[in-house]
Amino acid sequence: QVQLVESGGGLVQAGGSLRLSCAASGRTFSHYAMGWFRQAPGKEREFVAAIDWSGATTYYTDSVKGRFTISRHNAEKSVYLQMNSLKPEDTAVYYCAARRQGWLLSYSDSMTQASFNSWGQGTQVTVSS
């Protein structure tokens, strides 16, 4: 199992950008699929993006397509979420997650939170209007 630590959150104006990072510990990081989820105040946690073990396959929720990019660097045991053109509705705590099944079968497979085995503590992103 991997341990995950997110960083890079903060306060930004609408239209701005942030890059979230997630650092993982453990020898088998490159075997894991990785995901980003978020939880806004008073709402359930929701899927944002996922990437397979190789970085070749990615999925995004519709609301972030064209604005967010998920990527990974296996040698550095890190996954990233580049967020551009941020909107106030992107305000949430963002969580990094890992799952031992390294491939992504489909969008519905990727967004299933129960399939992710390890979670970070979250990082706050606040977008002001």
Protein backbone atom coordinates (compact mmCIF):
# COMPACT_ATOMS: atom_id res chain seq x y z
CA GLN A 1 0.00 0.00 0.00
CA VAL A 2 1.23 3.49 -0.73
CA GLN A 3 1.05 6.60 1.42
CA LEU A 4 0.03 9.80 -0.34
CA VAL A 5 0.67 13.45 0.46
CA GLU A 6 -0.93 16.25 -1.57
CA SER A 7 0.39 19.78 -1.95
CA GLY A 8 -0.11 22.83 -4.12
CA GLY A 9 -3.52 23.99 -3.04
CA GLY A 10 -4.29 27.60 -2.24
CA LEU A 11 -6.37 30.67 -3.02
CA VAL A 12 -6.59 31.84 -6.63
CA GLN A 13 -8.80 34.20 -8.59
CA ALA A 14 -11.20 32.91 -11.20
CA GLY A 15 -9.38 32.31 -14.46
CA GLY A 16 -6.15 31.50 -12.69
CA SER A 17 -4.15 28.28 -12.47
CA LEU A 18 -2.85 25.90 -9.84
CA ARG A 19 -0.81 22.72 -10.02
CA LEU A 20 -1.51 20.07 -7.43
CA SER A 21 1.10 17.47 -6.61
CA CYS A 22 0.78 14.12 -4.91
CA ALA A 23 3.89 12.43 -3.57
CA ALA A 24 3.73 8.69 -2.93
CA SER A 25 5.83 6.38 -0.83
CA GLY A 26 6.26 2.72 -1.54
CA ARG A 27 8.25 0.68 -4.03
CA THR A 28 5.37 -0.24 -6.36
CA PHE A 29 3.99 3.20 -7.21
CA SER A 30 4.42 2.55 -10.94
CA HIS A 31 1.96 -0.37 -10.71
CA TYR A 32 -0.88 1.79 -9.41
CA ALA A 33 -3.55 3.73 -11.22
CA MET A 34 -3.98 7.18 -9.67
CA GLY A 35 -6.92 9.48 -9.31
CA TRP A 36 -7.91 12.93 -8.14
CA PHE A 37 -11.21 13.50 -6.35
CA ARG A 38 -12.68 16.59 -4.72
CA GLN A 39 -15.24 17.45 -2.07
CA ALA A 40 -16.94 20.83 -1.90
CA PRO A 41 -18.61 22.03 1.32
CA GLY A 42 -21.91 20.27 1.87
CA LYS A 43 -21.41 17.96 -1.08
CA GLU A 44 -20.27 14.41 -1.61
CA ARG A 45 -16.78 13.63 -2.78
CA GLU A 46 -16.66 13.39 -6.57
CA PHE A 47 -14.33 12.10 -9.26
CA VAL A 48 -12.13 14.60 -11.09
CA ALA A 49 -9.54 12.68 -13.12
CA ALA A 50 -7.66 9.39 -13.29
CA ILE A 51 -4.55 8.05 -15.00
CA ASP A 52 -3.40 4.49 -15.54
CA TRP A 53 -0.07 3.04 -14.44
CA SER A 54 1.70 4.00 -17.67
CA GLY A 55 0.20 7.43 -18.15
CA ALA A 56 -1.24 6.41 -21.51
CA THR A 57 -4.89 6.42 -20.48
CA THR A 58 -6.69 9.25 -18.70
CA TYR A 59 -10.28 10.10 -17.86
CA TYR A 60 -11.87 13.35 -16.73
CA THR A 61 -15.21 14.40 -15.41
CA ASP A 62 -17.02 16.56 -17.95
CA SER A 63 -16.83 19.76 -15.91
CA VAL A 64 -13.01 19.86 -16.04
CA LYS A 65 -12.33 18.57 -19.56
CA GLY A 66 -10.15 21.00 -21.49
CA ARG A 67 -9.13 22.82 -18.30
CA PHE A 68 -7.46 20.19 -16.09
CA THR A 69 -4.65 17.78 -16.99
CA ILE A 70 -3.57 14.78 -14.96
CA SER A 71 -0.04 13.45 -15.38
CA ARG A 72 2.45 11.27 -13.54
CA HIS A 73 6.16 10.77 -13.16
CA ASN A 74 6.79 7.21 -11.99
CA ALA A 75 10.49 7.69 -11.31
CA GLU A 76 9.60 10.56 -8.96
CA LYS A 77 6.61 8.64 -7.53
CA SER A 78 4.38 11.61 -8.17
CA VAL A 79 1.10 12.47 -9.84
CA TYR A 80 0.01 15.95 -10.79
CA LEU A 81 -3.15 17.87 -11.58
CA GLN A 82 -2.66 21.00 -13.64
CA MET A 83 -5.73 23.18 -13.25
CA ASN A 84 -6.26 26.09 -15.64
CA SER A 85 -9.14 28.52 -16.16
CA LEU A 86 -10.30 27.88 -12.63
CA LYS A 87 -13.87 28.69 -11.66
CA PRO A 88 -15.45 29.35 -8.26
CA GLU A 89 -17.28 26.02 -8.57
CA ASP A 90 -13.87 24.27 -8.54
CA THR A 91 -13.51 25.26 -4.88
CA ALA A 92 -13.10 22.07 -2.86
CA VAL A 93 -10.71 19.88 -0.93
CA TYR A 94 -8.80 17.85 -3.52
CA TYR A 95 -7.75 14.29 -2.70
CA CYS A 96 -5.19 12.07 -4.37
CA ALA A 97 -5.97 8.36 -4.46
CA ALA A 98 -4.21 5.17 -5.57
CA ARG A 99 -5.42 1.73 -6.51
CA ARG A 100 -3.50 -1.50 -7.01
CA GLN A 101 -5.32 -2.27 -10.26
CA GLY A 102 -3.07 -0.25 -12.53
CA TRP A 103 -5.20 -0.15 -15.68
CA LEU A 104 -8.38 1.82 -16.28
CA LEU A 105 -11.14 -0.16 -17.95
CA SER A 106 -13.53 2.70 -18.61
CA TYR A 107 -14.73 6.05 -17.29
CA SER A 108 -17.19 4.38 -14.94
CA ASP A 109 -14.44 2.09 -13.69
CA SER A 110 -12.10 5.04 -13.10
CA MET A 111 -14.59 7.08 -11.08
CA THR A 112 -15.44 4.30 -8.64
CA GLN A 113 -14.08 5.51 -5.31
CA ALA A 114 -14.37 2.10 -3.67
CA SER A 115 -11.77 0.74 -6.10
CA PHE A 116 -9.10 3.09 -4.71
CA ASN A 117 -7.12 1.61 -1.81
CA SER A 118 -5.12 4.57 -0.53
CA TRP A 119 -6.05 8.22 0.01
CA GLY A 120 -4.18 11.38 0.90
CA GLN A 121 -5.27 13.90 3.50
CA GLY A 122 -6.41 16.45 0.94
CA THR A 123 -5.42 19.97 -0.08
CA GLN A 124 -7.75 22.97 -0.13
CA VAL A 125 -8.35 24.82 -3.39
CA THR A 126 -10.32 28.06 -3.18
CA VAL A 127 -11.26 30.03 -6.29
CA SER A 128 -12.54 33.55 -5.71
CA SER A 129 -14.87 35.29 -8.13
